[in-house]
Structure formats: structure tokens, C-alpha cells
Amino acid sequence: MINERHKELGMDSYKRKVTETAKYLSTRIGTGPEIGLLTGTGLGDIAGSIEITNSFAYQDLPHFPVSTVQSHTGRLLFGRIKQRPVIVM
């Protein structure tokens, strides 16, 4: 019954897409992040505090939504802040 409900909600497709995106990133970033930061408009300056090791345009990531806000850079950043691995959106 649960599997039928998941199919009805499109969860199988969603899970497959998330898994594909995660695999794409994991083959390119090396060490996974310990901390995730979601910055809003006006908080993008945090990027100056990050030792960036990888940067990906949202449009280049499989199944990833693209930012439509003109002032957003639309990049997923991986790096370090004070030696701690981070991911920043």
C-alpha cells in the first residue's frame, strides 16, 4: 500500500532524481559537507568567507531547480569555513 501511494504521489520519480543529483555531485566534490547554509537575498556576501573548492551553476546540475531571481547567482558552492566543509546555496 505504501509503494502504491508513493507511485501515486510521484515519489519514485522524485527519489530517482534526487539520487541522480547526489551521485553527480558526489563524484565531483570529494569530501561531503558537514554544514549547509541557505542564504537569502542580500546574504550572498557569505561567499567571501568561504574557501571555495567547487562551484556549480544550478542550470548545470541534473534535475536541479534554476533560480529565477535576477540578483541571485544561481550557484551551489562547496568549500570550507574555518576548516569545516560546507555547502552553500
PDB file of N, CA and C in Angstrom:
ATOM      1  N   MET A   1       0.815  -1.185   0.000  1.00  0.00           N
ATOM      2  CA  MET A   1       0.000   0.000   0.000  1.00  0.00           C
ATOM      3  C   MET A   1       0.866   1.260   0.000  1.00  0.00           C
ATOM      4  N   ILE A   2       1.941   1.268   0.767  1.00  0.00           N
ATOM      5  CA  ILE A   2       2.824   2.448   0.808  1.00  0.00           C
ATOM      6  C   ILE A   2       3.455   2.675  -0.558  1.00  0.00           C
ATOM      7  N   ASN A   3       3.957   1.602  -1.207  1.00  0.00           N
ATOM      8  CA  ASN A   3       4.567   1.758  -2.529  1.00  0.00           C
ATOM      9  C   ASN A   3       3.573   2.302  -3.540  1.00  0.00           C
ATOM     10  N   GLU A   4       2.320   1.872  -3.469  1.00  0.00           N
ATOM     11  CA  GLU A   4       1.296   2.383  -4.380  1.00  0.00           C
ATOM     12  C   GLU A   4       1.075   3.876  -4.141  1.00  0.00           C
ATOM     13  N   ARG A   5       1.051   4.287  -2.897  1.00  0.00           N
ATOM     14  CA  ARG A   5       0.855   5.704  -2.567  1.00  0.00           C
ATOM     15  C   ARG A   5       2.045   6.536  -3.042  1.00  0.00           C
ATOM     16  N   HIS A   6       3.253   6.014  -2.887  1.00  0.00           N
ATOM     17  CA  HIS A   6       4.442   6.722  -3.375  1.00  0.00           C
ATOM     18  C   HIS A   6       4.362   6.923  -4.877  1.00  0.00           C
ATOM     19  N   LYS A   7       3.974   5.880  -5.595  1.00  0.00           N
ATOM     20  CA  LYS A   7       3.847   5.998  -7.052  1.00  0.00           C
ATOM     21  C   LYS A   7       2.792   7.026  -7.411  1.00  0.00           C
ATOM     22  N   GLU A   8       1.693   7.010  -6.666  1.00  0.00           N
ATOM     23  CA  GLU A   8       0.606   7.952  -6.917  1.00  0.00           C
ATOM     24  C   GLU A   8       1.072   9.390  -6.729  1.00  0.00           C
ATOM     25  N   LEU A   9       1.933   9.626  -5.769  1.00  0.00           N
ATOM     26  CA  LEU A   9       2.445  10.969  -5.493  1.00  0.00           C
ATOM     27  C   LEU A   9       3.671  11.322  -6.322  1.00  0.00           C
ATOM     28  N   GLY A  10       4.164  10.389  -7.120  1.00  0.00           N
ATOM     29  CA  GLY A  10       5.358  10.635  -7.915  1.00  0.00           C
ATOM     30  C   GLY A  10       6.635  10.545  -7.111  1.00  0.00           C
ATOM     31  N   MET A  11       6.574   9.923  -5.935  1.00  0.00           N
ATOM     32  CA  MET A  11       7.739   9.849  -5.058  1.00  0.00           C
ATOM     33  C   MET A  11       8.864   9.020  -5.661  1.00  0.00           C
ATOM     34  N   ASP A  12       8.533   7.967  -6.406  1.00  0.00           N
ATOM     35  CA  ASP A  12       9.585   7.150  -7.014  1.00  0.00           C
ATOM     36  C   ASP A  12      10.408   7.986  -7.985  1.00  0.00           C
ATOM     37  N   SER A  13       9.743   8.799  -8.780  1.00  0.00           N
ATOM     38  CA  SER A  13      10.432   9.672  -9.735  1.00  0.00           C
ATOM     39  C   SER A  13      11.259  10.726  -8.999  1.00  0.00           C
ATOM     40  N   TYR A  14      10.695  11.305  -7.950  1.00  0.00           N
ATOM     41  CA  TYR A  14      11.395  12.313  -7.168  1.00  0.00           C
ATOM     42  C   TYR A  14      12.643  11.720  -6.526  1.00  0.00           C
ATOM     43  N   LYS A  15      12.504  10.553  -5.927  1.00  0.00           N
ATOM     44  CA  LYS A  15      13.636   9.893  -5.275  1.00  0.00           C
ATOM     45  C   LYS A  15      14.732   9.585  -6.294  1.00  0.00           C
ATOM     46  N   ARG A  16      14.348   9.140  -7.478  1.00  0.00           N
ATOM     47  CA  ARG A  16      15.322   8.843  -8.530  1.00  0.00           C
ATOM     48  C   ARG A  16      16.075  10.105  -8.932  1.00  0.00           C
ATOM     49  N   LYS A  17      15.369  11.216  -9.074  1.00  0.00           N
ATOM     50  CA  LYS A  17      16.004  12.472  -9.467  1.00  0.00           C
ATOM     51  C   LYS A  17      16.970  12.971  -8.394  1.00  0.00           C
ATOM     52  N   VAL A  18      16.561  12.896  -7.138  1.00  0.00           N
ATOM     53  CA  VAL A  18      17.431  13.332  -6.042  1.00  0.00           C
ATOM     54  C   VAL A  18      18.683  12.459  -5.989  1.00  0.00           C
ATOM     55  N   THR A  19      18.513  11.161  -6.172  1.00  0.00           N
ATOM     56  CA  THR A  19      19.641  10.233  -6.158  1.00  0.00           C
ATOM     57  C   THR A  19      20.609  10.544  -7.298  1.00  0.00           C
ATOM     58  N   GLU A  20      20.088  10.832  -8.489  1.00  0.00           N
ATOM     59  CA  GLU A  20      20.945  11.164  -9.634  1.00  0.00           C
ATOM     60  C   GLU A  20      21.732  12.455  -9.372  1.00  0.00           C
ATOM     61  N   THR A  21      21.084  13.448  -8.799  1.00  0.00           N
ATOM     62  CA  THR A  21      21.767  14.703  -8.498  1.00  0.00           C
ATOM     63  C   THR A  21      22.859  14.482  -7.451  1.00  0.00           C
ATOM     64  N   ALA A  22      22.541  13.716  -6.419  1.00  0.00           N
ATOM     65  CA  ALA A  22      23.519  13.430  -5.359  1.00  0.00           C
ATOM     66  C   ALA A  22      24.726  12.675  -5.921  1.00  0.00           C
ATOM     67  N   LYS A  23      24.491  11.715  -6.796  1.00  0.00           N
ATOM     68  CA  LYS A  23      25.604  10.966  -7.401  1.00  0.00           C
ATOM     69  C   LYS A  23      26.467  11.880  -8.264  1.00  0.00           C
ATOM     70  N   TYR A  24      25.832  12.743  -9.028  1.00  0.00           N
ATOM     71  CA  TYR A  24      26.552  13.695  -9.867  1.00  0.00           C
ATOM     72  C   TYR A  24      27.496  14.544  -9.014  1.00  0.00           C
ATOM     73  N   LEU A  25      26.972  15.079  -7.913  1.00  0.00           N
ATOM     74  CA  LEU A  25      27.778  15.935  -7.047  1.00  0.00           C
ATOM     75  C   LEU A  25      28.857  15.153  -6.310  1.00  0.00           C
ATOM     76  N   SER A  26      28.520  13.977  -5.805  1.00  0.00           N
ATOM     77  CA  SER A  26      29.494  13.225  -5.001  1.00  0.00           C
ATOM     78  C   SER A  26      30.717  12.813  -5.810  1.00  0.00           C
ATOM     79  N   THR A  27      30.563  12.642  -7.113  1.00  0.00           N
ATOM     80  CA  THR A  27      31.716  12.281  -7.940  1.00  0.00           C
ATOM     81  C   THR A  27      32.602  13.488  -8.244  1.00  0.00           C
ATOM     82  N   ARG A  28      32.119  14.684  -7.897  1.00  0.00           N
ATOM     83  CA  ARG A  28      32.852  15.899  -8.247  1.00  0.00           C
ATOM     84  C   ARG A  28      33.369  16.707  -7.057  1.00  0.00           C
ATOM     85  N   ILE A  29      32.877  16.425  -5.850  1.00  0.00           N
ATOM     86  CA  ILE A  29      33.249  17.292  -4.724  1.00  0.00           C
ATOM     87  C   ILE A  29      34.239  16.687  -3.745  1.00  0.00           C
ATOM     88  N   GLY A  30      34.433  15.385  -3.754  1.00  0.00           N
ATOM     89  CA  GLY A  30      35.332  14.785  -2.767  1.00  0.00           C
ATOM     90  C   GLY A  30      34.646  14.670  -1.425  1.00  0.00           C
ATOM     91  N   THR A  31      35.148  15.378  -0.422  1.00  0.00           N
ATOM     92  CA  THR A  31      34.590  15.330   0.922  1.00  0.00           C
ATOM     93  C   THR A  31      33.231  16.016   0.969  1.00  0.00           C
ATOM     94  N   GLY A  32      32.266  15.329   1.560  1.00  0.00           N
ATOM     95  CA  GLY A  32      30.936  15.906   1.708  1.00  0.00           C
ATOM     96  C   GLY A  32      30.902  16.966   2.793  1.00  0.00           C
ATOM     97  N   PRO A  33      29.927  17.857   2.733  1.00  0.00           N
ATOM     98  CA  PRO A  33      29.850  18.943   3.698  1.00  0.00           C
ATOM     99  C   PRO A  33      29.385  18.477   5.079  1.00  0.00           C
ATOM    100  N   GLU A  34      29.836  19.180   6.109  1.00  0.00           N
ATOM    101  CA  GLU A  34      29.346  18.987   7.474  1.00  0.00           C
ATOM    102  C   GLU A  34      28.242  19.988   7.784  1.00  0.00           C
ATOM    103  N   ILE A  35      28.301  21.129   7.093  1.00  0.00           N
ATOM    104  CA  ILE A  35      27.385  22.236   7.359  1.00  0.00           C
ATOM    105  C   ILE A  35      26.772  22.697   6.043  1.00  0.00           C
ATOM    106  N   GLY A  36      25.484  22.979   6.064  1.00  0.00           N
ATOM    107  CA  GLY A  36      24.802  23.536   4.905  1.00  0.00           C
ATOM    108  C   GLY A  36      24.244  24.903   5.233  1.00  0.00           C
ATOM    109  N   LEU A  37      24.450  25.854   4.335  1.00  0.00           N
ATOM    110  CA  LEU A  37      23.935  27.213   4.513  1.00  0.00           C
ATOM    111  C   LEU A  37      23.028  27.562   3.351  1.00  0.00           C
ATOM    112  N   LEU A  38      21.856  28.059   3.676  1.00  0.00           N
ATOM    113  CA  LEU A  38      20.920  28.531   2.670  1.00  0.00           C
ATOM    114  C   LEU A  38      20.817  30.033   2.860  1.00  0.00           C
ATOM    115  N   THR A  39      21.390  30.775   1.925  1.00  0.00           N
ATOM    116  CA  THR A  39      21.402  32.230   2.070  1.00  0.00           C
ATOM    117  C   THR A  39      20.273  32.824   1.248  1.00  0.00           C
ATOM    118  N   GLY A  40      19.733  33.901   1.734  1.00  0.00           N
ATOM    119  CA  GLY A  40      18.672  34.597   1.026  1.00  0.00           C
ATOM    120  C   GLY A  40      19.219  35.817   0.318  1.00  0.00           C
ATOM    121  N   THR A  41      18.338  36.571  -0.283  1.00  0.00           N
ATOM    122  CA  THR A  41      18.724  37.803  -0.966  1.00  0.00           C
ATOM    123  C   THR A  41      19.433  38.726   0.022  1.00  0.00           C
ATOM    124  N   GLY A  42      20.575  39.219  -0.376  1.00  0.00           N
ATOM    125  CA  GLY A  42      21.328  40.127   0.468  1.00  0.00           C
ATOM    126  C   GLY A  42      22.318  39.433   1.380  1.00  0.00           C
ATOM    127  N   LEU A  43      22.260  38.116   1.460  1.00  0.00           N
ATOM    128  CA  LEU A  43      23.187  37.382   2.317  1.00  0.00           C
ATOM    129  C   LEU A  43      24.251  36.654   1.509  1.00  0.00           C
ATOM    130  N   GLY A  44      24.289  36.902   0.227  1.00  0.00           N
ATOM    131  CA  GLY A  44      25.260  36.243  -0.634  1.00  0.00           C
ATOM    132  C   GLY A  44      26.700  36.617  -0.336  1.00  0.00           C
ATOM    133  N   ASP A  45      26.912  37.663   0.462  1.00  0.00           N
ATOM    134  CA  ASP A  45      28.274  38.081   0.808  1.00  0.00           C
ATOM    135  C   ASP A  45      29.017  37.033   1.630  1.00  0.00           C
ATOM    136  N   ILE A  46      28.301  36.050   2.170  1.00  0.00           N
ATOM    137  CA  ILE A  46      28.961  34.979   2.936  1.00  0.00           C
ATOM    138  C   ILE A  46      29.990  34.270   2.057  1.00  0.00           C
ATOM    139  N   ALA A  47      29.774  34.300   0.751  1.00  0.00           N
ATOM    140  CA  ALA A  47      30.693  33.626  -0.169  1.00  0.00           C
ATOM    141  C   ALA A  47      32.118  34.141  -0.012  1.00  0.00           C
ATOM    142  N   GLY A  48      32.287  35.380   0.412  1.00  0.00           N
ATOM    143  CA  GLY A  48      33.613  35.935   0.619  1.00  0.00           C
ATOM    144  C   GLY A  48      34.347  35.311   1.798  1.00  0.00           C
ATOM    145  N   SER A  49      33.602  34.650   2.686  1.00  0.00           N
ATOM    146  CA  SER A  49      34.183  33.998   3.861  1.00  0.00           C
ATOM    147  C   SER A  49      34.537  32.541   3.606  1.00  0.00           C
ATOM    148  N   ILE A  50      34.204  32.053   2.427  1.00  0.00           N
ATOM    149  CA  ILE A  50      34.387  30.635   2.113  1.00  0.00           C
ATOM    150  C   ILE A  50      35.619  30.424   1.251  1.00  0.00           C
ATOM    151  N   GLU A  51      36.400  29.451   1.608  1.00  0.00           N
ATOM    152  CA  GLU A  51      37.472  28.977   0.729  1.00  0.00           C
ATOM    153  C   GLU A  51      36.787  28.010  -0.234  1.00  0.00           C
ATOM    154  N   ILE A  52      36.394  28.491  -1.397  1.00  0.00           N
ATOM    155  CA  ILE A  52      35.589  27.713  -2.339  1.00  0.00           C
ATOM    156  C   ILE A  52      36.460  26.681  -3.055  1.00  0.00           C
ATOM    157  N   THR A  53      36.006  25.429  -3.010  1.00  0.00           N
ATOM    158  CA  THR A  53      36.716  24.351  -3.697  1.00  0.00           C
ATOM    159  C   THR A  53      35.986  23.892  -4.953  1.00  0.00           C
ATOM    160  N   ASN A  54      34.655  24.041  -4.968  1.00  0.00           N
ATOM    161  CA  ASN A  54      33.849  23.681  -6.130  1.00  0.00           C
ATOM    162  C   ASN A  54      32.669  24.633  -6.225  1.00  0.00           C
ATOM    163  N   SER A  55      32.297  24.968  -7.443  1.00  0.00           N
ATOM    164  CA  SER A  55      31.162  25.842  -7.687  1.00  0.00           C
ATOM    165  C   SER A  55      30.404  25.305  -8.895  1.00  0.00           C
ATOM    166  N   PHE A  56      29.091  25.162  -8.752  1.00  0.00           N
ATOM    167  CA  PHE A  56      28.269  24.616  -9.826  1.00  0.00           C
ATOM    168  C   PHE A  56      27.100  25.547 -10.109  1.00  0.00           C
ATOM    169  N   ALA A  57      26.895  25.877 -11.372  1.00  0.00           N
ATOM    170  CA  ALA A  57      25.697  26.625 -11.761  1.00  0.00           C
ATOM    171  C   ALA A  57      24.500  25.685 -11.619  1.00  0.00           C
ATOM    172  N   TYR A  58      23.420  26.188 -11.021  1.00  0.00           N
ATOM    173  CA  TYR A  58      22.227  25.349 -10.848  1.00  0.00           C
ATOM    174  C   TYR A  58      21.802  24.731 -12.172  1.00  0.00           C
ATOM    175  N   GLN A  59      21.898  25.496 -13.238  1.00  0.00           N
ATOM    176  CA  GLN A  59      21.443  25.009 -14.545  1.00  0.00           C
ATOM    177  C   GLN A  59      22.258  23.828 -15.053  1.00  0.00           C
ATOM    178  N   ASP A  60      23.459  23.625 -14.510  1.00  0.00           N
ATOM    179  CA  ASP A  60      24.307  22.511 -14.941  1.00  0.00           C
ATOM    180  C   ASP A  60      24.091  21.245 -14.113  1.00  0.00           C
ATOM    181  N   LEU A  61      23.306  21.347 -13.043  1.00  0.00           N
ATOM    182  CA  LEU A  61      23.059  20.195 -12.177  1.00  0.00           C
ATOM    183  C   LEU A  61      21.815  19.447 -12.639  1.00  0.00           C
ATOM    184  N   PRO A  62      21.914  18.128 -12.779  1.00  0.00           N
ATOM    185  CA  PRO A  62      20.745  17.372 -13.234  1.00  0.00           C
ATOM    186  C   PRO A  62      19.579  17.509 -12.256  1.00  0.00           C
ATOM    187  N   HIS A  63      18.400  17.819 -12.798  1.00  0.00           N
ATOM    188  CA  HIS A  63      17.138  17.895 -12.049  1.00  0.00           C
ATOM    189  C   HIS A  63      17.108  19.007 -10.999  1.00  0.00           C
ATOM    190  N   PHE A  64      18.020  19.957 -11.049  1.00  0.00           N
ATOM    191  CA  PHE A  64      18.096  20.997 -10.025  1.00  0.00           C
ATOM    192  C   PHE A  64      17.281  22.202 -10.472  1.00  0.00           C
ATOM    193  N   PRO A  65      16.481  22.787  -9.569  1.00  0.00           N
ATOM    194  CA  PRO A  65      15.714  23.972  -9.961  1.00  0.00           C
ATOM    195  C   PRO A  65      16.636  25.168 -10.191  1.00  0.00           C
ATOM    196  N   VAL A  66      16.296  25.973 -11.166  1.00  0.00           N
ATOM    197  CA  VAL A  66      17.102  27.133 -11.526  1.00  0.00           C
ATOM    198  C   VAL A  66      16.494  28.378 -10.893  1.00  0.00           C
ATOM    199  N   SER A  67      17.324  29.208 -10.303  1.00  0.00           N
ATOM    200  CA  SER A  67      16.870  30.454  -9.693  1.00  0.00           C
ATOM    201  C   SER A  67      16.389  31.411 -10.769  1.00  0.00           C
ATOM    202  N   THR A  68      15.243  32.016 -10.513  1.00  0.00           N
ATOM    203  CA  THR A  68      14.706  32.987 -11.475  1.00  0.00           C
ATOM    204  C   THR A  68      14.847  34.420 -10.962  1.00  0.00           C
ATOM    205  N   VAL A  69      15.420  34.590  -9.778  1.00  0.00           N
ATOM    206  CA  VAL A  69      15.622  35.921  -9.225  1.00  0.00           C
ATOM    207  C   VAL A  69      16.887  36.500  -9.846  1.00  0.00           C
ATOM    208  N   GLN A  70      16.766  37.659 -10.475  1.00  0.00           N
ATOM    209  CA  GLN A  70      17.869  38.235 -11.236  1.00  0.00           C
ATOM    210  C   GLN A  70      19.117  38.485 -10.389  1.00  0.00           C
ATOM    211  N   SER A  71      18.956  38.868  -9.131  1.00  0.00           N
ATOM    212  CA  SER A  71      20.113  39.192  -8.299  1.00  0.00           C
ATOM    213  C   SER A  71      20.793  37.956  -7.702  1.00  0.00           C
ATOM    214  N   HIS A  72      20.190  36.778  -7.844  1.00  0.00           N
ATOM    215  CA  HIS A  72      20.806  35.557  -7.309  1.00  0.00           C
ATOM    216  C   HIS A  72      21.812  34.998  -8.312  1.00  0.00           C
ATOM    217  N   THR A  73      22.928  34.521  -7.792  1.00  0.00           N
ATOM    218  CA  THR A  73      23.965  33.999  -8.680  1.00  0.00           C
ATOM    219  C   THR A  73      23.611  32.624  -9.222  1.00  0.00           C
ATOM    220  N   GLY A  74      22.735  31.887  -8.537  1.00  0.00           N
ATOM    221  CA  GLY A  74      22.321  30.572  -9.026  1.00  0.00           C
ATOM    222  C   GLY A  74      23.458  29.568  -9.033  1.00  0.00           C
ATOM    223  N   ARG A  75      24.244  29.557  -7.961  1.00  0.00           N
ATOM    224  CA  ARG A  75      25.379  28.649  -7.869  1.00  0.00           C
ATOM    225  C   ARG A  75      25.331  27.874  -6.561  1.00  0.00           C
ATOM    226  N   LEU A  76      25.734  26.630  -6.631  1.00  0.00           N
ATOM    227  CA  LEU A  76      25.889  25.775  -5.466  1.00  0.00           C
ATOM    228  C   LEU A  76      27.375  25.734  -5.161  1.00  0.00           C
ATOM    229  N   LEU A  77      27.740  26.174  -3.962  1.00  0.00           N
ATOM    230  CA  LEU A  77      29.153  26.288  -3.597  1.00  0.00           C
ATOM    231  C   LEU A  77      29.541  25.233  -2.569  1.00  0.00           C
ATOM    232  N   PHE A  78      30.712  24.660  -2.752  1.00  0.00           N
ATOM    233  CA  PHE A  78      31.309  23.753  -1.778  1.00  0.00           C
ATOM    234  C   PHE A  78      32.651  24.343  -1.390  1.00  0.00           C
ATOM    235  N   GLY A  79      32.976  24.229  -0.122  1.00  0.00           N
ATOM    236  CA  GLY A  79      34.254  24.756   0.329  1.00  0.00           C
ATOM    237  C   GLY A  79      34.436  24.575   1.813  1.00  0.00           C
ATOM    238  N   ARG A  80      35.181  25.509   2.402  1.00  0.00           N
ATOM    239  CA  ARG A  80      35.488  25.434   3.838  1.00  0.00           C
ATOM    240  C   ARG A  80      35.336  26.804   4.474  1.00  0.00           C
ATOM    241  N   ILE A  81      34.814  26.790   5.681  1.00  0.00           N
ATOM    242  CA  ILE A  81      34.819  27.960   6.542  1.00  0.00           C
ATOM    243  C   ILE A  81      35.503  27.509   7.825  1.00  0.00           C
ATOM    244  N   LYS A  82      36.643  28.127   8.127  1.00  0.00           N
ATOM    245  CA  LYS A  82      37.432  27.734   9.309  1.00  0.00           C
ATOM    246  C   LYS A  82      37.662  26.220   9.341  1.00  0.00           C
ATOM    247  N   GLN A  83      38.079  25.684   8.227  1.00  0.00           N
ATOM    248  CA  GLN A  83      38.446  24.271   8.064  1.00  0.00           C
ATOM    249  C   GLN A  83      37.263  23.302   8.122  1.00  0.00           C
ATOM    250  N   ARG A  84      36.035  23.782   8.215  1.00  0.00           N
ATOM    251  CA  ARG A  84      34.862  22.914   8.238  1.00  0.00           C
ATOM    252  C   ARG A  84      34.261  22.869   6.834  1.00  0.00           C
ATOM    253  N   PRO A  85      34.044  21.666   6.273  1.00  0.00           N
ATOM    254  CA  PRO A  85      33.453  21.574   4.940  1.00  0.00           C
ATOM    255  C   PRO A  85      31.991  22.034   4.930  1.00  0.00           C
ATOM    256  N   VAL A  86      31.678  22.903   3.970  1.00  0.00           N
ATOM    257  CA  VAL A  86      30.329  23.486   3.885  1.00  0.00           C
ATOM    258  C   VAL A  86      29.780  23.389   2.463  1.00  0.00           C
ATOM    259  N   ILE A  87      28.461  23.460   2.393  1.00  0.00           N
ATOM    260  CA  ILE A  87      27.758  23.639   1.133  1.00  0.00           C
ATOM    261  C   ILE A  87      26.912  24.891   1.311  1.00  0.00           C
ATOM    262  N   VAL A  88      26.878  25.742   0.275  1.00  0.00           N
ATOM    263  CA  VAL A  88      26.144  26.995   0.368  1.00  0.00           C
ATOM    264  C   VAL A  88      25.280  27.151  -0.880  1.00  0.00           C
ATOM    265  N   MET A  89      24.013  27.450  -0.638  1.00  0.00           N
ATOM    266  CA  MET A  89      23.094  27.767  -1.730  1.00  0.00           C
ATOM    267  C   MET A  89      22.786  29.255  -1.626  1.00  0.00           C
TER     268      MET A  89
END
